[in-house]
Amino acid sequence: MAGCGRGMQNPTRCHLVCIRIPKEQEREAFTNVFHWFLDLAPHLISNTLRELKNHDDDFVDDDRKNPNFTWSHDHDILMCREVLDIEPYQYKLRSPERGKAWETITSHLNATSHPKFRVTPRSVRHRYNLLTKKFQIRLNREERASGISDDNSELDNLLEEILEKEKAAKEKLDNDDEDKKKSLANEKATAEDMRKRALERVGQTAKRKGKAEGPEAEKSKSRKSRKSTGEAVEYLKERASKEIQLREQELEMRKKEHDRMSQREREKN
């Protein structure tokens, strides 16, 4: 090990320390690193290929596992028509209602004789996502290129209508969620305000008690307390009544939607 002379004379200064490695040790170190890389390379390549495969699975037809069925142009058109008829995107993602809608679409498709379908709800959803993603990518590319698209086929028109309705349905669901959050926040604020008012009344009554004496003060306190308690009870009753009404309306809407879907199934059959 060799060092700079000035640096050794003055410890307060930074100095460069040179380390000389014998050639034999240098070759041995290089060989070890090379063998380490050879051992690690297969794992790196395997992990990279696995990640690429998982990424490409989003654009690969799930029905490749079913050798007895292959999606065609006619299959895609009928599937898109059913999607526009049932509109599964009007329900929340991963909700039971949305799952039921995809099951209904699958049932209608499998009941078709020409062209023949052999699909599951999962494969239909996968095909739907594949078509809409590819079509959206194509639209974005055409808009960036010229802003004018070529003549659309029937399938293109169906996919375009689906994307528009899906976007509108998503905005509606988001707005409904926001309205519910605001409603709950308003109810919470109202309840907090009622609680504060009740506490203020109790404090004011206590102050008047210190100034007033005799039976009249006791009667006034009793009347105020009963009034405050009565207001709180009345508010709780009103809130419970509103919650019951909202639940009844929600159940009625679900019942109507179920009846509507059942009617469509009967008409299809």
Protein backbone atom coordinates (compact mmCIF):
# COMPACT_ATOMS: atom_id res chain seq x y z
CA MET A 1 0.00 0.00 0.00
CA ALA A 2 1.43 3.36 -1.05
CA GLY A 3 0.29 6.86 -0.17
CA CYS A 4 0.82 10.43 -1.20
CA GLY A 5 3.75 11.98 0.69
CA ARG A 6 2.10 15.32 1.31
CA GLY A 7 -1.03 13.65 2.61
CA MET A 8 1.01 11.61 5.09
CA GLN A 9 2.88 14.69 6.31
CA ASN A 10 -0.30 16.74 6.79
CA PRO A 11 -3.12 14.51 8.18
CA THR A 12 -5.67 17.29 7.81
CA ARG A 13 -5.50 17.05 4.01
CA CYS A 14 -7.21 14.38 1.91
CA HIS A 15 -4.72 12.08 0.28
CA LEU A 16 -5.02 9.34 -2.31
CA VAL A 17 -4.29 5.81 -1.20
CA CYS A 18 -3.35 3.39 -3.96
CA ILE A 19 -3.87 -0.32 -3.49
CA ARG A 20 -1.93 -2.61 -5.74
CA ILE A 21 -3.37 -6.07 -6.24
CA PRO A 22 -1.12 -8.82 -7.57
CA LYS A 23 -2.05 -10.08 -11.01
CA GLU A 24 -2.77 -13.56 -9.67
CA GLN A 25 -5.33 -12.22 -7.19
CA GLU A 26 -6.79 -9.94 -9.86
CA ARG A 27 -7.32 -12.87 -12.23
CA GLU A 28 -8.82 -14.94 -9.41
CA ALA A 29 -11.24 -12.14 -8.47
CA PHE A 30 -12.28 -11.68 -12.09
CA THR A 31 -12.83 -15.42 -12.46
CA ASN A 32 -15.00 -15.52 -9.33
CA VAL A 33 -17.12 -12.62 -10.57
CA PHE A 34 -17.49 -14.26 -13.97
CA HIS A 35 -18.63 -17.57 -12.46
CA TRP A 36 -21.01 -15.72 -10.14
CA PHE A 37 -22.56 -14.00 -13.16
CA LEU A 38 -22.91 -17.32 -15.00
CA ASP A 39 -24.71 -18.80 -12.00
CA LEU A 40 -27.02 -15.79 -11.68
CA ALA A 41 -27.77 -15.25 -15.37
CA PRO A 42 -30.32 -18.11 -15.75
CA HIS A 43 -32.33 -16.79 -12.82
CA LEU A 44 -32.30 -13.25 -14.22
CA ILE A 45 -33.38 -14.46 -17.64
CA SER A 46 -36.10 -16.67 -16.14
CA ASN A 47 -37.51 -13.83 -14.03
CA THR A 48 -37.45 -11.45 -16.99
CA LEU A 49 -39.29 -13.91 -19.22
CA ARG A 50 -41.84 -14.55 -16.47
CA GLU A 51 -42.54 -10.83 -16.10
CA LEU A 52 -42.90 -10.42 -19.85
CA LYS A 53 -45.29 -13.35 -19.96
CA ASN A 54 -47.42 -11.90 -17.15
CA HIS A 55 -47.51 -8.56 -18.95
CA ASP A 56 -48.51 -10.13 -22.25
CA ASP A 57 -51.25 -12.19 -20.60
CA ASP A 58 -53.42 -9.07 -20.58
CA PHE A 59 -53.47 -9.19 -24.37
CA VAL A 60 -53.70 -12.95 -24.85
CA ASP A 61 -56.99 -14.71 -25.34
CA ASP A 62 -57.94 -16.66 -22.21
CA ASP A 63 -59.79 -19.24 -24.33
CA ARG A 64 -56.55 -20.70 -25.66
CA LYS A 65 -57.01 -23.17 -22.79
CA ASN A 66 -60.20 -24.33 -24.50
CA PRO A 67 -59.15 -26.12 -27.71
CA ASN A 68 -62.79 -26.64 -28.71
CA PHE A 69 -63.53 -22.92 -29.07
CA THR A 70 -61.86 -20.04 -30.89
CA TRP A 71 -63.08 -16.46 -30.98
CA SER A 72 -63.97 -15.16 -34.43
CA HIS A 73 -65.15 -11.81 -35.80
CA ASP A 74 -68.79 -12.94 -35.61
CA HIS A 75 -68.33 -14.08 -32.02
CA ASP A 76 -66.93 -10.67 -31.10
CA ILE A 77 -69.87 -8.84 -32.69
CA LEU A 78 -72.48 -10.93 -30.86
CA MET A 79 -70.62 -10.56 -27.58
CA CYS A 80 -70.50 -6.76 -27.96
CA ARG A 81 -74.22 -6.66 -28.74
CA GLU A 82 -74.97 -8.57 -25.55
CA VAL A 83 -72.73 -6.24 -23.55
CA LEU A 84 -74.63 -3.21 -24.88
CA ASP A 85 -77.91 -4.92 -24.02
CA ILE A 86 -77.04 -5.96 -20.45
CA GLU A 87 -74.57 -3.13 -19.69
CA PRO A 88 -72.51 -4.78 -16.91
CA TYR A 89 -70.44 -1.61 -16.50
CA GLN A 90 -73.41 0.17 -14.89
CA TYR A 91 -72.64 -1.76 -11.69
CA LYS A 92 -69.68 -1.31 -9.39
CA LEU A 93 -66.51 -3.24 -10.16
CA ARG A 94 -66.35 -6.64 -8.38
CA SER A 95 -69.93 -6.24 -7.14
CA PRO A 96 -72.37 -9.20 -7.10
CA GLU A 97 -74.63 -7.34 -9.55
CA ARG A 98 -71.80 -6.96 -12.04
CA GLY A 99 -70.89 -10.63 -11.74
CA LYS A 100 -74.52 -11.59 -12.31
CA ALA A 101 -74.60 -9.42 -15.45
CA TRP A 102 -71.58 -11.25 -16.92
CA GLU A 103 -73.20 -14.59 -16.09
CA THR A 104 -76.33 -13.49 -17.97
CA ILE A 105 -74.27 -12.45 -21.00
CA THR A 106 -72.46 -15.80 -20.96
CA SER A 107 -75.73 -17.70 -20.72
CA HIS A 108 -77.16 -15.85 -23.72
CA LEU A 109 -74.03 -16.47 -25.79
CA ASN A 110 -73.88 -20.19 -25.01
CA ALA A 111 -77.55 -20.48 -25.97
CA THR A 112 -76.77 -19.14 -29.46
CA SER A 113 -76.70 -21.81 -32.14
CA HIS A 114 -74.92 -19.84 -34.87
CA PRO A 115 -72.17 -19.09 -34.28
CA LYS A 116 -71.72 -21.60 -31.48
CA PHE A 117 -70.22 -20.42 -28.18
CA ARG A 118 -68.42 -22.39 -25.48
CA VAL A 119 -67.42 -19.71 -23.01
CA THR A 120 -67.40 -18.89 -19.30
CA PRO A 121 -68.01 -15.53 -17.57
CA ARG A 122 -64.27 -15.22 -16.99
CA SER A 123 -63.38 -15.85 -20.64
CA VAL A 124 -66.06 -13.40 -21.83
CA ARG A 125 -64.74 -10.70 -19.50
CA HIS A 126 -61.21 -11.40 -20.67
CA ARG A 127 -62.22 -11.14 -24.33
CA TYR A 128 -64.14 -7.94 -23.62
CA ASN A 129 -61.13 -6.36 -21.90
CA LEU A 130 -58.86 -7.46 -24.73
CA LEU A 131 -61.04 -5.91 -27.45
CA THR A 132 -61.70 -2.65 -25.62
CA LYS A 133 -58.02 -2.16 -24.70
CA LYS A 134 -56.85 -2.78 -28.26
CA PHE A 135 -59.54 -0.52 -29.69
CA GLN A 136 -58.69 2.27 -27.23
CA ILE A 137 -55.01 2.02 -28.17
CA ARG A 138 -55.95 2.24 -31.85
CA LEU A 139 -58.13 5.29 -31.23
CA ASN A 140 -55.34 7.04 -29.37
CA ARG A 141 -52.88 6.27 -32.15
CA GLU A 142 -55.25 7.57 -34.85
CA GLU A 143 -55.95 10.76 -32.90
CA ARG A 144 -52.24 11.46 -32.51
CA ALA A 145 -51.59 10.71 -36.18
CA SER A 146 -54.25 12.77 -37.94
CA GLY A 147 -57.35 13.10 -35.82
CA ILE A 148 -59.38 11.41 -38.58
CA SER A 149 -60.09 7.69 -38.43
CA ASP A 150 -60.81 5.40 -41.34
CA ASP A 151 -64.22 3.88 -42.01
CA ASN A 152 -65.22 1.84 -39.00
CA SER A 153 -66.56 -1.68 -39.20
CA GLU A 154 -69.60 -2.89 -37.28
CA LEU A 155 -67.36 -4.22 -34.53
CA ASP A 156 -65.55 -0.87 -34.33
CA ASN A 157 -68.84 0.98 -33.96
CA LEU A 158 -69.98 -1.40 -31.22
CA LEU A 159 -66.72 -1.03 -29.32
CA GLU A 160 -66.83 2.76 -29.64
CA GLU A 161 -70.37 2.84 -28.25
CA ILE A 162 -69.36 0.50 -25.42
CA LEU A 163 -66.42 2.72 -24.43
CA GLU A 164 -68.62 5.83 -24.40
CA LYS A 165 -71.30 4.19 -22.26
CA GLU A 166 -68.72 2.63 -19.96
CA LYS A 167 -67.11 6.04 -19.39
CA ALA A 168 -70.49 7.66 -18.66
CA ALA A 169 -71.43 4.83 -16.28
CA LYS A 170 -68.12 5.16 -14.41
CA GLU A 171 -68.64 8.90 -13.99
CA LYS A 172 -72.16 8.28 -12.66
CA LEU A 173 -70.93 5.69 -10.16
CA ASP A 174 -68.18 8.05 -9.00
CA ASN A 175 -70.70 10.89 -8.59
CA ASP A 176 -73.07 8.64 -6.64
CA ASP A 177 -70.26 7.63 -4.30
CA GLU A 178 -69.31 11.27 -3.83
CA ASP A 179 -72.93 12.21 -3.06
CA LYS A 180 -73.17 9.44 -0.48
CA LYS A 181 -69.95 10.59 1.17
CA LYS A 182 -71.22 14.18 1.30
CA SER A 183 -74.55 13.03 2.74
CA LEU A 184 -72.83 11.04 5.48
CA ALA A 185 -70.52 13.96 6.22
CA ASN A 186 -73.50 16.33 6.49
CA GLU A 187 -75.33 13.96 8.84
CA LYS A 188 -72.22 13.64 10.99
CA ALA A 189 -71.81 17.43 11.10
CA THR A 190 -75.47 17.87 12.04
CA ALA A 191 -75.19 15.33 14.85
CA GLU A 192 -72.03 17.02 16.14
CA ASP A 193 -73.78 20.40 16.05
CA MET A 194 -76.72 19.00 18.01
CA ARG A 195 -74.34 17.56 20.58
CA LYS A 196 -72.53 20.88 20.98
CA ARG A 197 -75.81 22.75 21.37
CA ALA A 198 -76.97 20.32 24.02
CA LEU A 199 -73.71 20.79 25.93
CA GLU A 200 -74.01 24.56 25.63
CA ARG A 201 -77.53 24.45 27.05
CA VAL A 202 -76.32 22.35 29.97
CA GLY A 203 -73.53 24.85 30.65
CA GLN A 204 -75.87 27.83 30.48
CA THR A 205 -78.30 26.14 32.84
CA ALA A 206 -75.50 25.48 35.32
CA LYS A 207 -74.51 29.16 35.26
CA ARG A 208 -78.08 30.30 35.88
CA LYS A 209 -78.35 27.87 38.75
CA GLY A 210 -75.51 29.62 40.54
CA LYS A 211 -77.28 32.97 40.21
CA ALA A 212 -80.87 31.92 40.82
CA GLU A 213 -82.25 30.37 44.00
CA GLY A 214 -85.51 28.79 45.03
CA PRO A 215 -87.93 26.32 43.43
CA GLU A 216 -88.32 28.40 40.26
CA ALA A 217 -84.69 27.77 39.32
CA GLU A 218 -85.15 24.03 39.77
CA LYS A 219 -88.30 24.06 37.62
CA SER A 220 -86.50 26.03 34.88
CA LYS A 221 -83.60 23.56 34.90
CA SER A 222 -85.97 20.60 34.68
CA ARG A 223 -87.86 22.12 31.74
CA LYS A 224 -84.63 22.94 29.85
CA SER A 225 -83.24 19.46 30.45
CA ARG A 226 -86.42 17.79 29.21
CA LYS A 227 -86.46 20.03 26.14
CA SER A 228 -82.83 19.27 25.28
CA THR A 229 -83.37 15.53 25.75
CA GLY A 230 -86.54 15.65 23.69
CA GLU A 231 -84.76 17.39 20.81
CA ALA A 232 -81.97 14.82 20.82
CA VAL A 233 -84.45 11.93 20.84
CA GLU A 234 -86.48 13.53 18.05
CA TYR A 235 -83.34 13.96 15.93
CA LEU A 236 -82.34 10.32 16.43
CA LYS A 237 -85.84 9.19 15.45
CA GLU A 238 -85.75 11.32 12.30
CA ARG A 239 -82.32 10.02 11.35
CA ALA A 240 -83.36 6.39 11.86
CA SER A 241 -86.47 6.99 9.75
CA LYS A 242 -84.37 8.42 6.90
CA GLU A 243 -81.98 5.48 6.99
CA ILE A 244 -84.89 3.04 6.83
CA GLN A 245 -86.35 4.89 3.85
CA LEU A 246 -83.00 4.84 2.02
CA ARG A 247 -82.61 1.10 2.60
CA GLU A 248 -86.15 0.43 1.40
CA GLN A 249 -85.49 2.45 -1.75
CA GLU A 250 -82.25 0.58 -2.38
CA LEU A 251 -83.96 -2.80 -1.95
CA GLU A 252 -86.75 -1.72 -4.30
CA MET A 253 -84.22 -0.66 -6.96
CA ARG A 254 -82.39 -3.99 -6.67
CA LYS A 255 -85.68 -5.86 -6.97
CA LYS A 256 -86.65 -3.91 -10.10
CA GLU A 257 -83.23 -4.54 -11.64
CA HIS A 258 -83.48 -8.25 -10.87
CA ASP A 259 -86.96 -8.38 -12.44
CA ARG A 260 -85.70 -6.55 -15.50
CA MET A 261 -82.81 -8.98 -15.99
CA SER A 262 -85.12 -11.95 -15.46
CA GLN A 263 -87.51 -10.57 -18.06
CA ARG A 264 -84.66 -10.23 -20.54
CA GLU A 265 -83.60 -13.80 -19.94
CA ARG A 266 -87.14 -15.02 -20.57
CA GLU A 267 -87.34 -12.99 -23.77
CA LYS A 268 -84.03 -14.38 -24.98
CA ASN A 269 -85.16 -17.95 -24.31
